[in-house]
C-alpha atoms as a PDB file:
ATOM      1  CA  MET A   1      -8.997  -5.704  -3.009  1.00  0.00           C
ATOM      2  CA  LYS A   2      -5.741  -3.999  -2.123  1.00  0.00           C
ATOM      3  CA  LEU A   3      -4.163  -3.763   1.310  1.00  0.00           C
ATOM      4  CA  ILE A   4      -2.265  -0.489   1.428  1.00  0.00           C
ATOM      5  CA  ASN A   5       0.118   0.205   4.299  1.00  0.00           C
ATOM      6  CA  ILE A   6       1.292   3.761   5.034  1.00  0.00           C
ATOM      7  CA  ILE A   7       4.851   3.722   6.403  1.00  0.00           C
ATOM      8  CA  ASN A   8       5.743   7.349   7.120  1.00  0.00           C
ATOM      9  CA  ASN A   9       2.755   8.699   9.037  1.00  0.00           C
ATOM     10  CA  TYR A  10       4.970   9.000  12.121  1.00  0.00           C
ATOM     11  CA  SER A  11       8.282   9.889  10.507  1.00  0.00           C
ATOM     12  CA  ASP A  12       9.746  12.738   8.484  1.00  0.00           C
ATOM     13  CA  LYS A  13      10.674  10.520   5.513  1.00  0.00           C
ATOM     14  CA  GLY A  14       9.286  11.727   2.197  1.00  0.00           C
ATOM     15  CA  GLU A  15       7.090  14.717   1.442  1.00  0.00           C
ATOM     16  CA  LYS A  16       4.035  12.588   0.642  1.00  0.00           C
ATOM     17  CA  PRO A  17       2.580   9.424   2.155  1.00  0.00           C
ATOM     18  CA  LEU A  18       4.833   6.443   1.401  1.00  0.00           C
ATOM     19  CA  PHE A  19       3.248   3.013   1.185  1.00  0.00           C
ATOM     20  CA  TYR A  20       3.544  -0.617   0.198  1.00  0.00           C
ATOM     21  CA  LEU A  21       0.902  -3.102  -0.943  1.00  0.00           C
ATOM     22  CA  LYS A  22      -0.041  -6.561   0.278  1.00  0.00           C
ATOM     23  CA  ALA A  23      -2.068  -9.297  -1.386  1.00  0.00           C
ATOM     24  CA  ASP A  24      -5.488 -10.091   0.056  1.00  0.00           C
ATOM     25  CA  THR A  25      -4.087 -13.445   1.264  1.00  0.00           C
ATOM     26  CA  ALA A  26      -2.357 -11.419   3.984  1.00  0.00           C
ATOM     27  CA  LEU A  27      -5.720 -10.864   5.694  1.00  0.00           C
ATOM     28  CA  LEU A  28      -6.375 -12.497   9.059  1.00  0.00           C
ATOM     29  CA  ARG A  29     -10.109 -12.228   9.753  1.00  0.00           C
ATOM     30  CA  ASN A  30     -12.777 -13.370  12.186  1.00  0.00           C
ATOM     31  CA  ASN A  31     -10.521 -12.775  15.207  1.00  0.00           C
ATOM     32  CA  ASP A  32      -8.735 -15.976  14.188  1.00  0.00           C
ATOM     33  CA  ALA A  33      -5.507 -16.728  16.037  1.00  0.00           C
ATOM     34  CA  PHE A  34      -2.230 -15.597  14.478  1.00  0.00           C
ATOM     35  CA  TYR A  35       0.147 -18.549  14.161  1.00  0.00           C
ATOM     36  CA  ILE A  36       3.761 -17.446  14.350  1.00  0.00           C
ATOM     37  CA  PRO A  37       5.493 -18.604  11.155  1.00  0.00           C
ATOM     38  CA  THR A  38       8.537 -20.795  11.587  1.00  0.00           C
ATOM     39  CA  ASP A  39      12.011 -20.024  10.244  1.00  0.00           C
ATOM     40  CA  VAL A  40      11.451 -16.277   9.734  1.00  0.00           C
ATOM     41  CA  GLY A  41      13.169 -14.906  12.815  1.00  0.00           C
ATOM     42  CA  ARG A  42      11.751 -12.152  14.988  1.00  0.00           C
ATOM     43  CA  ILE A  43       8.146 -11.073  14.311  1.00  0.00           C
ATOM     44  CA  VAL A  44       6.752  -7.714  15.432  1.00  0.00           C
ATOM     45  CA  ALA A  45       3.161  -6.482  15.572  1.00  0.00           C
ATOM     46  CA  SER A  46       1.905  -2.944  14.912  1.00  0.00           C
ATOM     47  CA  PRO A  47      -1.646  -1.716  15.648  1.00  0.00           C
ATOM     48  CA  HIS A  48      -3.482   0.410  13.075  1.00  0.00           C
ATOM     49  CA  ILE A  49      -6.632   2.302  12.346  1.00  0.00           C
ATOM     50  CA  VAL A  50      -7.799   1.026   8.946  1.00  0.00           C
ATOM     51  CA  LEU A  51      -9.864   2.927   6.398  1.00  0.00           C
ATOM     52  CA  LYS A  52     -12.260   1.018   4.164  1.00  0.00           C
ATOM     53  CA  ASN A  53     -12.669   2.584   0.733  1.00  0.00           C
ATOM     54  CA  ALA A  54     -16.253   3.169  -0.409  1.00  0.00           C
ATOM     55  CA  ARG A  55     -15.978   4.029  -4.093  1.00  0.00           C
ATOM     56  CA  LEU A  56     -13.949   3.912  -7.261  1.00  0.00           C
ATOM     57  CA  ALA A  57     -11.522   6.815  -6.960  1.00  0.00           C
ATOM     58  CA  LYS A  58      -8.915   8.232  -9.289  1.00  0.00           C
ATOM     59  CA  CYS A  59      -7.236  11.610  -8.731  1.00  0.00           C
ATOM     60  CA  ILE A  60      -9.611  12.690  -5.967  1.00  0.00           C
ATOM     61  CA  SER A  61      -8.836  16.077  -4.468  1.00  0.00           C
ATOM     62  CA  GLU A  62      -8.239  16.218  -0.747  1.00  0.00           C
ATOM     63  CA  ARG A  63     -11.437  18.175  -0.121  1.00  0.00           C
ATOM     64  CA  PHE A  64     -13.556  15.345  -1.603  1.00  0.00           C
ATOM     65  CA  ALA A  65     -11.506  12.433  -0.254  1.00  0.00           C
ATOM     66  CA  SER A  66     -13.742  11.941   2.794  1.00  0.00           C
ATOM     67  CA  ARG A  67     -16.483  10.735   0.435  1.00  0.00           C
ATOM     68  CA  CYS A  68     -14.291   7.744  -0.382  1.00  0.00           C
ATOM     69  CA  ILE A  69     -14.110   6.516   3.205  1.00  0.00           C
ATOM     70  CA  GLU A  70     -16.880   4.027   3.963  1.00  0.00           C
ATOM     71  CA  GLY A  71     -15.790   3.537   7.535  1.00  0.00           C
ATOM     72  CA  VAL A  72     -13.094   2.671  10.023  1.00  0.00           C
ATOM     73  CA  MET A  73     -11.802  -0.728  11.092  1.00  0.00           C
ATOM     74  CA  ALA A  74      -9.061  -1.962  13.418  1.00  0.00           C
ATOM     75  CA  GLY A  75      -5.956  -3.763  12.257  1.00  0.00           C
ATOM     76  CA  VAL A  76      -2.685  -5.254  13.387  1.00  0.00           C
ATOM     77  CA  THR A  77       0.134  -5.909  10.943  1.00  0.00           C
ATOM     78  CA  PHE A  78       2.858  -8.478  11.471  1.00  0.00           C
ATOM     79  CA  THR A  79       6.381  -8.058  10.100  1.00  0.00           C
ATOM     80  CA  ALA A  80       9.259 -10.515   9.953  1.00  0.00           C
ATOM     81  CA  ILE A  81      11.695  -7.873  11.140  1.00  0.00           C
ATOM     82  CA  ASP A  82      14.911  -9.841  10.519  1.00  0.00           C
ATOM     83  CA  LYS A  83      13.863 -10.487   6.929  1.00  0.00           C
ATOM     84  CA  LEU A  84      12.847  -6.832   6.508  1.00  0.00           C
ATOM     85  CA  ASN A  85      16.198  -5.576   7.784  1.00  0.00           C
ATOM     86  CA  GLU A  86      18.010  -7.950   5.433  1.00  0.00           C
ATOM     87  CA  ALA A  87      15.899  -6.892   2.450  1.00  0.00           C
ATOM     88  CA  GLN A  88      16.459  -3.197   3.194  1.00  0.00           C
ATOM     89  CA  ARG A  89      20.210  -3.725   3.625  1.00  0.00           C
ATOM     90  CA  GLU A  90      20.459  -5.512   0.281  1.00  0.00           C
ATOM     91  CA  GLY A  91      18.011  -3.251  -1.574  1.00  0.00           C
ATOM     92  CA  LEU A  92      15.554  -6.120  -2.149  1.00  0.00           C
ATOM     93  CA  PRO A  93      11.738  -6.058  -2.132  1.00  0.00           C
ATOM     94  CA  TRP A  94       9.997  -6.339   1.235  1.00  0.00           C
ATOM     95  CA  ASP A  95       7.265  -8.757   0.164  1.00  0.00           C
ATOM     96  CA  GLU A  96       8.559 -11.805   2.017  1.00  0.00           C
ATOM     97  CA  ALA A  97       8.952  -9.810   5.243  1.00  0.00           C
ATOM     98  CA  VAL A  98       5.619  -7.988   5.234  1.00  0.00           C
ATOM     99  CA  GLY A  99       3.223  -9.766   2.891  1.00  0.00           C
ATOM    100  CA  PHE A 100       3.117 -13.345   4.119  1.00  0.00           C
ATOM    101  CA  ASP A 101      -0.246 -15.070   4.642  1.00  0.00           C
ATOM    102  CA  HIS A 102      -2.255 -13.715   7.591  1.00  0.00           C
ATOM    103  CA  SER A 103       0.179 -10.859   8.236  1.00  0.00           C
ATOM    104  CA  SER A 104      -2.661  -8.300   8.458  1.00  0.00           C
ATOM    105  CA  ALA A 105      -5.322  -8.824  11.111  1.00  0.00           C
ATOM    106  CA  LEU A 106      -8.566  -6.979  10.341  1.00  0.00           C
ATOM    107  CA  SER A 107     -11.735  -6.478  12.344  1.00  0.00           C
ATOM    108  CA  LEU A 108     -15.036  -7.727  10.984  1.00  0.00           C
ATOM    109  CA  GLU A 109     -16.983  -4.705  12.067  1.00  0.00           C
ATOM    110  CA  THR A 110     -16.757  -1.324  10.376  1.00  0.00           C
ATOM    111  CA  LEU A 111     -17.538   1.811  12.367  1.00  0.00           C
ATOM    112  CA  GLU A 112     -18.618   5.204  11.052  1.00  0.00           C
ATOM    113  CA  ARG A 113     -15.815   7.393   9.698  1.00  0.00           C
ATOM    114  CA  ASP A 114     -16.026   9.776  12.666  1.00  0.00           C
ATOM    115  CA  ALA A 115     -15.128   6.943  15.074  1.00  0.00           C
ATOM    116  CA  MET A 116     -11.479   7.415  14.123  1.00  0.00           C
ATOM    117  CA  LEU A 117     -11.555  10.866  15.714  1.00  0.00           C
ATOM    118  CA  GLU A 118     -11.664   9.138  19.096  1.00  0.00           C
ATOM    119  CA  GLY A 119      -8.558   7.123  18.242  1.00  0.00           C
ATOM    120  CA  ALA A 120      -7.692   3.545  19.115  1.00  0.00           C
ATOM    121  CA  ILE A 121      -6.117   1.683  22.022  1.00  0.00           C
ATOM    122  CA  PHE A 122      -4.002  -1.451  21.620  1.00  0.00           C
ATOM    123  CA  TYR A 123      -3.864  -3.982  24.441  1.00  0.00           C
ATOM    124  CA  ILE A 124      -1.617  -6.985  24.986  1.00  0.00           C
ATOM    125  CA  ASN A 125      -2.980  -9.348  27.641  1.00  0.00           C
ATOM    126  CA  ASP A 126      -5.427  -6.627  28.750  1.00  0.00           C
ATOM    127  CA  GLU A 127      -2.591  -4.158  29.403  1.00  0.00           C
ATOM    128  CA  GLU A 128      -2.722  -0.914  27.414  1.00  0.00           C
ATOM    129  CA  ARG A 129       0.386  -0.759  25.239  1.00  0.00           C
ATOM    130  CA  ALA A 130      -0.308   1.931  22.627  1.00  0.00           C
ATOM    131  CA  ARG A 131      -2.703   4.716  21.720  1.00  0.00           C
ATOM    132  CA  ILE A 132      -3.363   5.806  18.172  1.00  0.00           C
ATOM    133  CA  ASN A 133      -4.523   9.386  17.835  1.00  0.00           C
ATOM    134  CA  LEU A 134      -5.218  11.151  14.539  1.00  0.00           C
ATOM    135  CA  ASN A 135      -3.635  14.325  15.903  1.00  0.00           C
ATOM    136  CA  ASP A 136      -0.294  12.489  15.957  1.00  0.00           C
ATOM    137  CA  PHE A 137      -0.483  11.558  12.264  1.00  0.00           C
ATOM    138  CA  ARG A 138       1.741  13.427   9.864  1.00  0.00           C
ATOM    139  CA  PHE A 139      -0.845  13.065   7.089  1.00  0.00           C
ATOM    140  CA  THR A 140      -4.599  13.320   7.492  1.00  0.00           C
ATOM    141  CA  PRO A 141      -6.731  10.429   6.227  1.00  0.00           C
ATOM    142  CA  ASP A 142      -8.065  12.718   3.484  1.00  0.00           C
ATOM    143  CA  LYS A 143      -4.534  13.617   2.351  1.00  0.00           C
ATOM    144  CA  ILE A 144      -3.623   9.914   2.275  1.00  0.00           C
ATOM    145  CA  VAL A 145      -6.691   8.938   0.227  1.00  0.00           C
ATOM    146  CA  SER A 146      -6.111  11.820  -2.181  1.00  0.00           C
ATOM    147  CA  HIS A 147      -2.442  10.934  -2.676  1.00  0.00           C
ATOM    148  CA  LEU A 148      -3.141   7.227  -3.126  1.00  0.00           C
ATOM    149  CA  SER A 149      -5.830   8.013  -5.715  1.00  0.00           C
ATOM    150  CA  GLU A 150      -3.213   9.937  -7.712  1.00  0.00           C
ATOM    151  CA  CYS A 151      -0.879   6.918  -7.676  1.00  0.00           C
ATOM    152  CA  MET A 152      -3.446   4.216  -8.450  1.00  0.00           C
ATOM    153  CA  THR A 153      -7.157   3.707  -8.830  1.00  0.00           C
ATOM    154  CA  LEU A 154      -8.745   2.952  -5.487  1.00  0.00           C
ATOM    155  CA  ARG A 155     -11.556   0.409  -5.617  1.00  0.00           C
ATOM    156  CA  ILE A 156     -14.490  -0.369  -3.393  1.00  0.00           C
ATOM    157  CA  GLY A 157     -13.279  -2.424  -0.447  1.00  0.00           C
ATOM    158  CA  ASP A 158      -9.610  -1.414  -0.625  1.00  0.00           C
ATOM    159  CA  LEU A 159      -8.127  -1.190   2.878  1.00  0.00           C
ATOM    160  CA  ILE A 160      -5.708   1.503   4.022  1.00  0.00           C
ATOM    161  CA  TYR A 161      -3.686   0.758   7.160  1.00  0.00           C
ATOM    162  CA  LEU A 162      -2.842   4.267   8.378  1.00  0.00           C
ATOM    163  CA  GLY A 163       0.439   3.470  10.087  1.00  0.00           C
ATOM    164  CA  SER A 164       1.727   2.807  13.543  1.00  0.00           C
ATOM    165  CA  ARG A 165       4.209   4.524  15.813  1.00  0.00           C
ATOM    166  CA  GLU A 166       5.130   1.405  17.759  1.00  0.00           C
ATOM    167  CA  GLU A 167       5.903  -2.245  17.176  1.00  0.00           C
ATOM    168  CA  PHE A 168       5.795  -5.049  19.697  1.00  0.00           C
ATOM    169  CA  ASP A 169       7.584  -8.389  19.769  1.00  0.00           C
ATOM    170  CA  VAL A 170       5.125 -11.199  19.059  1.00  0.00           C
ATOM    171  CA  LYS A 171       5.044 -13.877  21.744  1.00  0.00           C
ATOM    172  CA  GLU A 172       3.146 -17.128  21.774  1.00  0.00           C
ATOM    173  CA  GLY A 173       0.300 -17.099  24.304  1.00  0.00           C
ATOM    174  CA  ASP A 174      -0.382 -13.352  24.116  1.00  0.00           C
ATOM    175  CA  ASN A 175      -3.828 -11.892  23.474  1.00  0.00           C
ATOM    176  CA  TYR A 176      -4.250  -8.763  21.347  1.00  0.00           C
ATOM    177  CA  LYS A 177      -7.156  -6.333  21.479  1.00  0.00           C
ATOM    178  CA  VAL A 178      -7.778  -3.148  19.551  1.00  0.00           C
ATOM    179  CA  VAL A 179     -10.480  -0.794  20.766  1.00  0.00           C
ATOM    180  CA  VAL A 180     -11.738   2.024  18.534  1.00  0.00           C
ATOM    181  CA  ALA A 181     -14.105   4.654  19.917  1.00  0.00           C
ATOM    182  CA  GLY A 182     -14.659   2.520  23.013  1.00  0.00           C
ATOM    183  CA  LYS A 183     -15.629  -0.599  21.037  1.00  0.00           C
ATOM    184  CA  THR A 184     -13.469  -3.747  20.931  1.00  0.00           C
ATOM    185  CA  LEU A 185     -13.059  -4.498  17.227  1.00  0.00           C
ATOM    186  CA  LEU A 186     -10.199  -7.000  17.402  1.00  0.00           C
ATOM    187  CA  ASN A 187      -9.614  -9.665  20.054  1.00  0.00           C
ATOM    188  CA  PHE A 188      -7.383 -12.583  19.062  1.00  0.00           C
ATOM    189  CA  ASP A 189      -4.622 -14.849  20.333  1.00  0.00           C
ATOM    190  CA  ILE A 190      -1.050 -15.500  19.281  1.00  0.00           C
ATOM    191  CA  LYS A 191      -0.155 -19.177  18.856  1.00  0.00           C
END
């Protein structure tokens, strides 16, 4: 299983979806608490709508890409922002900053594909902090799936984190919730 993170869905960088990959050890499941790693500096969190891939796909045209989407999940990615800034400054890989263990929270439940049309709401301590709306995306989910399938073979169960406009400083004691289509899919604590 691949974890694919789109990075330019809210920016004008690149003409096509830009992305990076994470190992499956980055998954944080079961609404388990996220434990802030030590000695990595500032950590930020970004909420996402996540697509779950339904079939083996290689070079799928955009008009058929929707067939590859099994459903929609909720996610939150964690980034060691100081390490990321350093890696970018020095032209080094981002892996240590973005791909550490449990750096990608993922809901257990998968909703129907159309649930993403209603968007998602991210809460910190029951206060709404961000809304994710497909109309704000630069690239449609179908365009993203099509492009990714041209770059690599997508497999059943691959997860595509569609990107986030905002990032929030991670603080011990906070509670995160992500609601998609009116249903709470993620609800976990920061420790």
